[in-house]
Protein backbone atom coordinates (compact mmCIF):
# COMPACT_ATOMS: atom_id res chain seq x y z
CA MET A 1 -26.85 37.69 74.76
CA THR A 2 -26.76 34.22 73.18
CA ASN A 3 -25.01 35.66 70.14
CA ILE A 4 -22.23 37.51 72.64
CA ARG A 5 -22.10 34.27 74.34
CA LYS A 6 -21.17 32.21 70.94
CA THR A 7 -18.85 34.85 69.81
CA THR A 8 -17.02 34.86 73.31
CA ASN A 9 -16.59 31.27 73.35
CA LYS A 10 -15.47 30.67 69.89
CA ILE A 11 -11.86 29.41 69.42
CA ASP A 12 -9.94 31.29 66.78
CA LEU A 13 -7.54 28.38 65.45
CA LYS A 14 -6.15 30.54 62.75
CA ARG A 15 -4.95 33.07 65.04
CA ILE A 16 -3.64 30.72 67.94
CA SER A 17 -1.67 28.63 65.09
CA ALA A 18 -0.40 31.83 63.62
CA ASN A 19 0.78 32.81 66.95
CA PHE A 20 2.32 29.43 67.68
CA PHE A 21 4.32 29.30 64.41
CA SER A 22 5.30 33.30 65.08
CA ASN A 23 7.12 32.01 68.14
CA LEU A 24 9.13 29.48 66.54
CA LYS A 25 12.42 30.20 64.86
CA PRO A 26 14.38 28.31 62.14
CA LEU A 27 16.90 27.60 64.37
CA ASN A 28 14.45 26.00 67.00
CA ILE A 29 12.83 23.82 64.03
CA SER A 30 16.39 22.50 62.81
CA PHE A 31 17.54 21.49 66.11
CA LEU A 32 14.21 19.61 66.55
CA LEU A 33 14.19 18.02 63.08
CA THR A 34 17.98 17.01 63.60
CA LEU A 35 17.31 15.58 66.64
CA ILE A 36 14.54 13.28 65.25
CA PHE A 37 16.47 12.39 62.38
CA SER A 38 19.76 11.56 64.50
CA SER A 39 17.22 9.07 66.47
CA LEU A 40 15.98 7.48 63.02
CA LEU A 41 19.75 7.01 62.20
CA ILE A 42 20.71 5.32 65.22
CA LYS A 43 17.66 3.10 65.26
CA THR A 44 17.84 2.18 61.62
CA ALA A 45 21.35 1.67 61.23
CA TRP A 46 22.59 -1.38 59.35
CA LEU A 47 24.98 -2.84 56.89
CA CYS A 48 24.06 -4.92 53.84
CA ASP A 49 25.84 -7.62 52.51
CA ASP A 50 26.99 -5.76 49.45
CA SER A 51 28.95 -3.42 51.68
CA MET A 52 30.42 -6.35 53.02
CA ILE A 53 31.95 -7.11 49.61
CA THR A 54 33.50 -3.96 49.76
CA LEU A 55 34.79 -4.32 53.31
CA ARG A 56 36.45 -7.49 52.17
CA SER A 57 38.47 -5.18 49.84
CA VAL A 58 39.27 -2.57 52.41
CA LEU A 59 40.75 -5.29 54.53
CA ASN A 60 42.58 -7.10 51.87
CA PHE A 61 43.93 -3.18 51.29
CA THR A 62 44.90 -2.29 54.83
CA HIS A 63 46.61 -5.62 55.31
CA GLY A 64 48.88 -4.99 52.23
CA TYR A 65 47.33 -7.56 49.60
CA GLY A 66 45.98 -4.88 47.45
CA LEU A 67 42.58 -3.38 46.14
CA VAL A 68 41.37 -6.81 45.53
CA PHE A 69 38.33 -8.99 46.70
CA ASN A 70 40.57 -12.57 46.01
CA ILE A 71 44.19 -12.26 46.92
CA GLY A 72 45.96 -12.13 43.76
CA GLU A 73 43.27 -11.53 41.40
CA ARG A 74 42.88 -7.97 40.52
CA ALA A 75 38.91 -7.40 39.81
CA GLN A 76 37.13 -4.02 41.16
CA SER A 77 34.21 -5.74 42.81
CA TYR A 78 33.20 -2.41 44.29
CA THR A 79 31.56 0.53 42.40
CA HIS A 80 32.41 3.20 44.87
CA PRO A 81 36.27 3.87 44.61
CA ILE A 82 36.18 7.21 46.79
CA TRP A 83 33.83 5.44 49.40
CA MET A 84 36.27 2.42 49.54
CA LEU A 85 39.25 4.52 49.89
CA LEU A 86 37.52 6.61 52.68
CA LEU A 87 36.61 3.49 54.73
CA SER A 88 40.21 2.02 54.18
CA LEU A 89 41.81 5.10 55.61
CA VAL A 90 39.58 5.42 58.75
CA SER A 91 39.44 1.57 59.51
CA PHE A 92 43.16 1.48 59.17
CA ILE A 93 43.44 4.11 62.04
CA THR A 94 40.61 2.60 64.04
CA GLY A 95 41.51 -1.06 63.26
CA GLU A 96 37.65 -1.99 62.85
CA VAL A 97 35.60 -1.88 59.90
CA PHE A 98 31.78 -2.33 60.89
CA PHE A 99 31.18 0.41 63.56
CA THR A 100 33.53 2.57 61.83
CA THR A 101 31.60 2.19 58.41
CA LEU A 102 28.47 2.94 60.61
CA PHE A 103 29.75 6.02 62.18
CA ILE A 104 31.05 7.44 59.10
CA SER A 105 27.77 7.13 57.17
CA MET A 106 25.53 8.57 60.02
CA VAL A 107 28.18 11.59 60.23
CA PHE A 108 27.75 11.97 56.55
CA ALA A 109 24.03 11.67 56.41
CA LEU A 110 23.93 14.22 59.35
CA ALA A 111 25.78 16.64 57.53
CA ALA A 112 23.72 16.28 54.20
CA TYR A 113 20.69 16.59 56.40
CA GLY A 114 22.03 19.68 57.89
CA ILE A 115 22.72 21.37 54.39
CA ALA A 116 19.09 20.48 52.89
CA LEU A 117 17.80 22.26 55.97
CA TYR A 118 20.25 25.35 55.56
CA VAL A 119 19.20 25.92 51.97
CA SER A 120 15.34 26.13 53.18
CA ARG A 121 16.24 27.85 56.38
CA LYS A 122 14.29 31.46 55.33
CA SER A 123 10.90 30.43 56.96
CA ILE A 124 9.78 27.61 59.60
CA TYR A 125 7.49 26.29 56.90
CA SER A 126 10.24 25.92 54.30
CA ILE A 127 12.69 24.48 56.84
CA SER A 128 9.69 21.89 58.25
CA ILE A 129 8.80 20.73 54.96
CA ALA A 130 12.33 20.06 53.93
CA GLY A 131 13.50 18.20 57.00
CA LEU A 132 9.97 16.36 57.12
CA SER A 133 10.26 15.43 53.30
CA LEU A 134 13.80 13.51 54.06
CA ILE A 135 12.37 11.71 57.40
CA ALA A 136 9.20 10.83 55.33
CA SER A 137 11.22 8.98 52.66
CA LYS A 138 12.04 5.41 53.33
CA ALA A 139 14.61 5.37 50.76
CA PHE A 140 16.53 8.20 52.22
CA ILE A 141 16.35 6.74 55.73
CA ASP A 142 17.01 3.16 54.80
CA TYR A 143 20.35 4.38 52.66
CA SER A 144 21.49 7.04 55.06
CA THR A 145 23.58 4.09 56.71
CA SER A 146 23.66 0.43 55.00
CA GLY A 147 27.40 0.48 54.63
CA LEU A 148 27.08 1.54 50.88
CA GLU A 149 28.10 5.02 49.35
CA ASN A 150 24.64 6.62 49.63
CA PRO A 151 25.65 9.01 52.63
CA LEU A 152 28.73 10.50 51.20
CA SER A 153 26.85 10.63 47.73
CA PHE A 154 24.17 12.73 49.68
CA LEU A 155 26.79 14.97 51.07
CA LEU A 156 28.71 15.70 47.91
CA PHE A 157 25.36 16.31 46.18
CA GLY A 158 24.71 18.81 48.92
CA ILE A 159 27.77 20.58 48.58
CA LEU A 160 27.05 20.67 44.58
CA MET A 161 23.72 22.33 45.22
CA LEU A 162 25.20 24.97 47.42
CA LEU A 163 27.83 25.89 45.07
CA LEU A 164 25.22 26.06 42.15
CA LEU A 165 22.62 27.84 43.97
CA GLU A 166 25.63 30.33 44.87
CA LYS A 167 25.95 32.59 42.18
CA SER A 168 28.13 35.53 42.88
CA SER A 169 31.32 33.88 41.43
CA THR A 170 32.44 34.04 37.82
CA PRO A 171 31.09 31.27 35.48
CA GLU A 172 34.58 29.86 34.87
CA ILE A 173 34.92 29.45 38.75
CA ARG A 174 31.59 27.78 39.14
CA LEU A 175 32.41 25.34 36.35
CA THR A 176 35.62 24.45 37.86
CA ARG A 177 34.21 24.03 41.42
CA ALA A 178 31.24 22.08 40.20
CA VAL A 179 33.22 19.67 37.84
CA PHE A 180 35.57 19.01 41.04
CA ILE A 181 32.76 17.90 43.17
CA GLY A 182 31.00 16.17 40.59
CA SER A 183 34.30 14.20 39.94
CA LEU A 184 34.06 13.09 43.47
CA ILE A 185 30.55 12.40 42.94
CA PHE A 186 31.46 10.28 39.92
CA LEU A 187 34.07 8.20 42.20
CA CYS A 188 30.85 7.54 44.40
CA ARG A 189 29.18 5.85 41.53
CA MET A 190 29.96 6.39 37.96
CA ASP A 191 26.27 6.33 36.89
CA TYR A 192 26.00 9.65 38.49
CA ALA A 193 27.57 11.03 35.74
CA VAL A 194 23.88 10.94 34.04
CA ILE A 195 22.67 13.58 36.56
CA LEU A 196 25.74 15.50 36.25
CA ALA A 197 25.99 15.76 32.44
CA PRO A 198 23.18 18.64 32.00
CA ILE A 199 24.46 20.58 34.83
CA VAL A 200 28.18 20.43 33.38
CA SER A 201 26.75 21.32 29.91
CA LEU A 202 24.69 24.35 31.03
CA LEU A 203 28.17 25.99 33.13
CA CYS A 204 30.11 25.08 30.03
CA PHE A 205 27.58 27.14 27.89
CA GLN A 206 27.39 29.82 30.56
CA THR A 207 31.32 30.37 30.20
CA LYS A 208 30.93 31.18 26.78
CA SER A 209 34.44 29.87 25.88
CA VAL A 210 35.36 26.41 24.64
CA LYS A 211 38.76 27.07 25.93
CA LYS A 212 37.79 27.91 29.47
CA SER A 213 35.35 25.10 29.55
CA LEU A 214 37.86 22.78 28.43
CA LEU A 215 40.39 24.07 31.22
CA GLY A 216 37.56 24.03 33.83
CA ILE A 217 36.68 20.40 33.15
CA LEU A 218 40.49 19.27 33.04
CA VAL A 219 41.23 20.81 36.07
CA GLY A 220 38.31 19.97 38.00
CA GLY A 221 38.03 16.45 36.83
CA ILE A 222 41.51 15.57 38.38
CA PRO A 223 40.46 13.01 40.82
CA ALA A 224 38.07 11.23 38.21
CA PHE A 225 40.67 11.12 35.42
CA SER A 226 43.20 10.14 37.88
CA TRP A 227 41.33 7.07 39.06
CA LEU A 228 40.34 5.96 35.46
CA LEU A 229 44.08 5.90 34.79
CA PHE A 230 45.10 4.09 37.66
CA SER A 231 42.02 1.51 37.40
CA LEU A 232 42.98 1.07 33.41
CA ILE A 233 46.70 0.27 34.56
CA TYR A 234 45.79 -1.71 37.89
CA TYR A 235 42.40 -3.63 36.83
CA GLY A 236 42.79 -3.74 33.01
CA THR A 237 39.42 -1.75 32.90
CA VAL A 238 37.93 1.56 33.43
CA PHE A 239 34.75 0.03 34.59
CA PRO A 240 34.04 -1.70 37.63
CA ASN A 241 33.39 -5.82 37.52
CA THR A 242 30.02 -5.27 38.41
CA TYR A 243 29.23 -3.51 35.12
CA PHE A 244 29.88 -6.59 33.31
CA ALA A 245 28.05 -8.76 35.69
CA LYS A 246 24.88 -6.67 35.62
CA LEU A 247 24.93 -4.80 32.32
CA SER A 248 27.26 -6.41 29.79
CA THR A 249 24.96 -9.48 29.18
CA ASN A 250 22.89 -11.38 26.57
CA ILE A 251 19.61 -10.38 28.27
CA PRO A 252 17.39 -8.74 25.87
CA LYS A 253 17.12 -4.84 26.44
CA ILE A 254 13.06 -5.42 26.71
CA GLN A 255 13.70 -7.48 29.74
CA TYR A 256 15.54 -4.88 31.46
CA LEU A 257 12.98 -2.43 30.70
CA TYR A 258 10.11 -4.61 31.98
CA GLN A 259 12.17 -5.11 35.29
CA GLY A 260 13.05 -1.32 35.68
CA LEU A 261 9.41 -0.77 35.50
CA LEU A 262 8.81 -3.23 38.08
CA TYR A 263 11.16 -1.36 40.10
CA VAL A 264 9.28 1.84 40.21
CA TYR A 265 6.10 -0.02 40.63
CA ASP A 266 7.81 -1.49 43.63
CA SER A 267 8.70 1.78 45.19
CA SER A 268 5.14 3.22 44.33
CA LEU A 269 3.81 0.51 46.62
CA TYR A 270 6.25 0.50 49.47
CA ASP A 271 7.48 4.23 49.28
CA SER A 272 5.02 6.39 47.37
CA PHE A 273 6.24 9.50 48.95
CA THR A 274 9.44 9.40 47.22
CA LEU A 275 8.59 9.08 43.96
CA ALA A 276 5.79 11.69 44.68
CA THR A 277 8.30 14.10 45.74
CA ILE A 278 10.73 13.30 42.81
CA VAL A 279 7.64 13.93 40.34
CA THR A 280 6.50 17.22 41.89
CA ALA A 281 10.11 18.77 42.12
CA THR A 282 11.13 18.08 38.61
CA ILE A 283 7.50 19.30 37.13
CA TYR A 284 7.53 22.22 39.08
CA THR A 285 11.15 23.10 37.98
CA ILE A 286 10.85 22.62 34.33
CA PHE A 287 7.74 23.99 34.06
CA PHE A 288 7.14 26.93 36.46
CA LEU A 289 10.66 28.18 37.38
CA LYS A 290 12.85 30.27 35.19
CA ASP A 291 16.18 29.17 36.70
CA ASN A 292 18.07 27.32 34.01
CA THR A 293 20.60 26.11 37.14
CA ARG A 294 17.72 24.13 38.72
CA LYS A 295 16.26 23.28 35.36
CA SER A 296 19.37 21.77 34.40
CA VAL A 297 19.56 19.58 37.68
CA ALA A 298 15.96 18.66 37.29
CA THR A 299 16.75 17.44 33.53
CA GLY A 300 19.72 15.25 35.35
CA VAL A 301 17.19 13.95 37.72
CA ILE A 302 14.65 13.05 34.86
CA LEU A 303 17.44 11.69 32.82
CA TYR A 304 18.82 9.27 35.83
CA CYS A 305 15.35 8.15 36.56
CA LEU A 306 14.87 6.86 32.96
CA TYR A 307 18.53 5.56 33.20
CA ILE A 308 17.37 3.35 36.54
CA VAL A 309 14.37 1.97 34.41
CA ASN A 310 16.66 1.23 31.42
CA ILE A 311 19.17 -0.87 33.62
CA GLY A 312 16.42 -3.00 35.27
CA GLY A 313 16.45 -0.77 38.39
CA ASP A 314 17.82 -2.86 41.59
CA PHE A 315 17.05 -5.80 43.98
CA MET A 316 17.37 -3.02 46.79
CA SER A 317 13.82 -1.59 46.90
CA GLY A 318 14.25 2.20 46.57
CA ARG A 319 17.92 2.40 46.80
CA TYR A 320 18.67 4.10 43.53
CA PHE A 321 15.66 6.71 44.02
CA ALA A 322 17.29 7.92 47.45
CA ILE A 323 19.74 10.49 45.29
CA PRO A 324 16.78 12.06 43.23
CA LEU A 325 14.85 12.27 46.36
CA TYR A 326 17.48 14.17 48.18
CA ILE A 327 17.96 16.36 45.07
CA SER A 328 14.16 17.08 44.79
CA VAL A 329 14.28 18.67 48.34
CA PHE A 330 16.82 21.41 47.17
CA LEU A 331 14.66 21.86 43.71
CA LEU A 332 11.31 22.41 46.06
CA SER A 333 13.08 24.69 48.62
CA ASP A 334 12.21 27.75 46.23
CA LEU A 335 8.48 26.81 46.54
CA PHE A 336 8.66 25.82 50.21
CA VAL A 337 9.86 29.66 50.92
CA ARG A 338 7.38 31.04 48.46
CA LEU A 339 4.30 29.33 50.07
CA ASN A 340 5.08 30.61 53.50
CA ARG A 341 2.30 30.81 55.73
CA LYS A 342 -0.08 29.06 53.26
CA SER A 343 2.04 25.97 53.54
CA LEU A 344 0.88 24.95 56.97
CA ILE A 345 -1.18 22.31 55.16
CA ALA A 346 2.00 21.03 53.28
CA VAL A 347 3.46 20.77 56.84
CA VAL A 348 0.81 18.89 57.99
CA MET A 349 0.57 16.46 55.10
CA VAL A 350 4.44 15.87 55.30
CA ALA A 351 4.42 15.41 58.78
CA TYR A 352 1.81 12.60 58.41
CA PHE A 353 4.05 10.60 56.03
CA SER A 354 6.95 11.12 58.25
CA CYS A 355 5.10 9.58 61.36
CA ALA A 356 4.01 6.79 58.93
CA ASN A 357 7.39 6.10 57.89
CA ILE A 358 8.73 6.30 61.65
CA ILE A 359 5.98 3.98 62.54
CA SER A 360 6.69 1.39 59.86
CA ILE A 361 10.39 1.47 60.75
CA SER A 362 9.32 0.64 64.45
CA LEU A 363 7.45 -2.73 63.44
CA PRO A 364 8.95 -5.79 62.44
CA SER A 365 8.68 -6.42 58.80
CA SER A 366 7.68 -9.95 57.44
CA ARG A 367 8.37 -8.64 53.81
CA VAL A 368 9.81 -11.38 51.58
CA ILE A 369 11.45 -10.99 48.29
CA HIS A 370 8.78 -10.55 45.51
CA ALA A 371 8.61 -12.56 42.30
CA HIS A 372 10.06 -9.97 40.60
CA GLY A 373 13.48 -10.22 42.84
CA ILE A 374 13.13 -6.83 44.45
CA ASN A 375 13.62 -6.75 48.35
CA ASN A 376 13.31 -4.38 51.34
CA GLU A 377 17.05 -4.98 52.10
CA GLN A 378 17.02 -3.04 55.44
CA ALA A 379 14.31 -5.18 56.96
CA PHE A 380 15.74 -8.62 55.55
CA TYR A 381 19.41 -7.82 57.06
CA TYR A 382 18.66 -5.72 60.06
CA GLY A 383 17.27 -8.55 62.04
CA ARG A 384 14.78 -6.33 63.97
CA ASP A 385 12.59 -9.43 65.43
CA GLY A 386 15.53 -11.17 67.13
CA ASN A 387 14.74 -14.48 65.25
CA ALA A 388 16.78 -13.83 62.04
CA ALA A 389 19.60 -16.30 61.41
CA PHE A 390 21.81 -13.14 60.56
CA SER A 391 21.69 -9.59 62.15
CA PHE A 392 23.59 -6.84 60.64
CA GLY A 393 21.62 -3.91 62.47
CA LEU A 394 23.23 -1.60 64.96
CA LEU A 395 20.52 -1.96 67.68
CA ALA A 396 19.34 -5.85 66.32
CA PRO A 397 18.75 -8.09 69.40
CA ASN A 398 21.19 -10.44 67.91
CA ARG A 399 23.66 -8.36 66.25
CA ASP A 400 26.29 -10.74 64.66
CA TYR A 401 28.87 -8.92 62.44
CA PRO A 402 31.20 -11.71 60.60
CA ASP A 403 34.67 -12.43 62.50
CA VAL A 404 37.52 -10.79 60.75
CA THR A 405 40.23 -12.01 63.14
CA ASN A 406 41.52 -13.98 60.54
CA TRP A 407 43.14 -11.00 58.60
CA ARG A 408 46.61 -10.81 59.43
CA ARG A 409 49.58 -9.29 57.86
CA ASP A 410 51.54 -12.72 57.84
CA THR A 411 49.19 -14.49 55.39
CA GLU A 412 50.99 -16.07 52.43
CA PRO A 413 49.44 -14.25 49.30
CA ASN A 414 50.25 -16.77 46.60
CA VAL A 415 48.97 -19.91 48.52
CA ILE A 416 45.23 -20.41 48.11
CA ASP A 417 44.03 -22.20 51.31
CA ASP A 418 40.56 -23.17 49.90
CA VAL A 419 38.16 -22.63 47.08
CA GLN A 420 34.24 -21.71 47.55
CA ILE A 421 31.59 -20.98 45.19
CA ARG A 422 28.73 -18.69 46.37
CA CYS A 423 26.49 -15.67 45.33
CA GLY A 424 23.76 -14.91 47.84
CA LEU A 425 25.19 -13.55 51.18
CA LEU A 426 28.84 -13.66 49.75
CA GLY A 427 30.29 -10.70 51.54
CA ASN A 428 29.07 -12.27 54.92
CA HIS A 429 30.83 -15.38 54.33
CA ALA A 430 33.53 -14.14 52.63
CA LEU A 431 34.71 -11.87 55.48
CA SER A 432 34.17 -14.95 57.94
CA SER A 433 36.84 -17.03 55.81
CA LYS A 434 40.58 -16.36 55.74
CA PRO A 435 42.10 -13.91 53.46
CA ASN A 436 43.50 -16.67 51.45
CA THR A 437 40.18 -18.37 50.64
CA HIS A 438 39.14 -17.98 47.04
CA TRP A 439 35.52 -17.17 46.46
CA ILE A 440 34.20 -17.99 43.00
CA ASP A 441 30.70 -15.92 42.39
CA PRO A 442 28.16 -17.17 39.84
CA CYS A 443 26.62 -13.78 39.86
CA GLY A 444 30.14 -12.19 38.65
CA LEU A 445 30.18 -9.40 40.87
CA THR A 446 33.73 -10.22 42.14
CA ASP A 447 34.94 -12.81 39.29
CA PRO A 448 36.38 -11.20 36.27
CA LEU A 449 35.80 -14.72 34.07
CA LEU A 450 32.29 -15.18 35.20
CA ALA A 451 31.16 -11.77 34.76
CA ARG A 452 31.98 -11.71 31.16
CA LEU A 453 30.36 -15.16 30.33
CA PRO A 454 26.67 -15.52 29.19
CA ILE A 455 24.01 -15.75 31.95
CA ASP A 456 22.02 -19.10 32.23
CA THR A 457 18.64 -18.82 33.06
CA SER A 458 18.20 -22.60 33.57
CA ILE A 459 19.80 -22.28 36.71
CA ASP A 460 17.20 -22.32 39.81
CA SER A 461 16.60 -18.83 40.55
CA THR A 462 13.56 -18.94 42.90
CA ASP A 463 13.80 -15.17 43.58
CA GLY A 464 13.86 -14.33 40.17
CA ASN A 465 11.45 -12.43 37.43
CA ARG A 466 9.54 -14.09 34.92
CA PHE A 467 12.56 -14.47 32.60
CA GLY A 468 14.57 -16.51 35.14
CA TRP A 469 16.69 -14.18 36.42
CA ARG A 470 17.11 -12.05 39.11
CA ILE A 471 18.13 -8.26 38.86
CA GLY A 472 21.73 -7.73 40.58
CA HIS A 473 21.90 -11.53 41.16
CA ILE A 474 22.59 -12.72 37.41
CA LYS A 475 23.72 -16.07 37.44
CA ARG A 476 26.25 -17.93 35.06
CA ARG A 477 27.36 -21.58 34.94
CA VAL A 478 30.47 -22.25 36.66
CA PRO A 479 32.52 -23.78 33.89
CA GLU A 480 33.80 -27.27 34.65
CA GLY A 481 37.34 -27.33 36.07
CA TYR A 482 37.31 -23.50 36.69
CA ALA A 483 37.50 -24.23 40.53
CA GLU A 484 40.16 -26.81 40.20
CA SER A 485 42.11 -24.30 37.55
CA ILE A 486 41.89 -21.64 40.56
CA ALA A 487 43.07 -24.25 43.33
CA SER A 488 45.98 -25.92 41.51
CA GLY A 489 47.10 -22.56 39.61
CA VAL A 490 46.89 -24.70 36.48
CA ASN A 491 44.12 -24.21 33.67
CA VAL A 492 42.08 -27.35 33.11
CA ILE A 493 38.74 -25.81 32.24
CA GLN A 494 37.28 -28.23 29.79
CA ASP A 495 35.82 -25.65 27.64
CA PRO A 496 38.60 -24.74 25.09
CA ASP A 497 37.36 -21.52 24.36
CA ILE A 498 36.38 -20.78 27.83
CA ALA A 499 40.13 -22.10 28.78
CA ARG A 500 41.78 -19.43 26.29
CA PHE A 501 39.57 -16.77 27.50
CA TYR A 502 40.61 -17.73 31.02
CA ASP A 503 44.26 -17.44 30.22
CA LEU A 504 44.10 -14.09 28.81
CA ILE A 505 42.11 -12.94 31.73
CA LYS A 506 44.55 -14.30 34.29
CA VAL A 507 47.28 -12.56 32.57
CA VAL A 508 45.76 -9.52 32.74
CA VAL A 509 44.38 -9.91 36.46
CA SER A 510 47.47 -11.62 37.95
CA ASP A 511 50.53 -10.98 36.20
CA PRO A 512 52.72 -8.34 37.40
CA VAL A 513 51.29 -4.86 36.64
CA PHE A 514 53.86 -3.67 34.37
CA SER A 515 55.27 -6.87 33.10
CA ARG A 516 55.67 -6.67 29.11
CA LYS A 517 53.50 -9.42 28.68
CA ARG A 518 50.38 -8.28 30.52
CA LEU A 519 50.86 -4.78 29.14
CA VAL A 520 50.38 -6.23 25.53
CA TYR A 521 47.85 -8.22 26.47
CA LEU A 522 45.86 -5.40 28.43
CA PHE A 523 45.98 -3.54 24.97
CA LYS A 524 43.77 -6.06 23.22
CA PHE A 525 41.60 -6.87 26.72
CA SER A 526 40.42 -3.63 26.51
CA GLY A 527 38.20 -4.11 23.72
CA ILE A 528 36.56 -7.05 24.99
CA LYS A 529 33.35 -6.79 27.26
CA THR A 530 32.17 -10.37 27.19
CA PHE A 531 32.96 -14.10 26.20
CA GLU A 532 31.00 -13.50 23.02
CA ASP A 533 33.59 -10.48 21.93
CA PHE A 534 36.57 -12.63 22.91
CA LYS A 535 35.25 -15.38 20.44
CA SER A 536 34.78 -12.95 17.54
CA SER A 537 38.21 -11.32 18.03
CA SER A 538 41.58 -12.34 16.54
CA PHE A 539 42.92 -12.71 20.00
CA LYS A 540 41.20 -16.25 20.12
CA GLU A 541 44.00 -17.76 17.70
């Protein structure tokens, strides 16, 4: 009797869990996960100061002053042309930039999230792990908004993965389509080319024809080639100004590598799930799959992560790992489907990390900039505790976006009203000023001259690393007479070499685009990346 009673009272947890999950459908899980993700998007939506640098260019463009940060000076202060143009188009229609940017970001992030769920739709287990993996990633949640290009990048990479996983079309068509989407991705950030290179190489190999491969690249790459030609003619260079400010410096490579490893270490501390997912996805794909297409994608992800270390990472914690994380979910989708019911433990583990991320989002963050200059940007700018001096979060208690009512079409473009010098919070202050206030950026992000001058580690950088500079905010000393030269229009820079260098740059960035003198200078200027290049060139004379 005792044995019978014990058997009768025993709860069969395995059978109950099996019955519970058998009654669920992927569509139901998708709806629930999308609802959770949407709630997180609204709760965490924010704008960073770098996005406001882009928004100043957007306002100048939509008000007829050109694709510039400072009126009358053609310098590409943004790294995401297609994102900037999209914001310009939509904000021109809406007449507003901040909520427009947040709305577009959330729509694209939701679409990208939906694509990831669609690829993993074959079972409730696979779709649960895919959806929860994205929710568990701090990098993905933080940069699903922020005002930067990430949401559009997520969406375009999602579309690319759909095209790559669909193998019914011919190799030539797959190549052309992939290169077309890839060229749009390239216009989100040029360095995404590192991810795209192995993918395009494999597709070219699969066409088995050099002629067809070249044709596919030329046709599919029209958006990218068109922008590069425009950029060369309009700005005088195919690279954004930030390339010269951040990478074309006199900093030894070993220092960049050291800072890059610190960037990885920072993510391992504050967003370990993201790094673990990327590592798992790439190892599984490279060593356990026979699918060459997925292997090429994984190779691109690995190369991109190495590239991140090589350039010193970023000052925004986890930002550069958001795209590899998103791609990793697609790489693991095959594993998720194969595991099926055996993946219940994996679902529970990922759900745990998701809950931990949701809880951390709900708590105020007191995290400050670390000694190596990397920051939790979302917590820094959101203003969740209501006591921040500035709050750029959508639901922040004291939300305070810059007043842009100064932007009018009747501003005289050739008259500089004021000259200001600033690096930190440049976007916020520049938007709050008048359109014809000229901003000198010692970090060089928006300034074509300072971006090419050597860095100066003697300048106080309390937020920098042990070498005296902070990644993403590498300061230069403003030459004596530079501010006066901009204000008066007369070159009074005291250093004779810098003065001659400024004369060259001013012709390229300020003279009429198709003037004969500018076109001659443009040809010579294209080979000069730094001030040292200028001094060693014959152009000095």
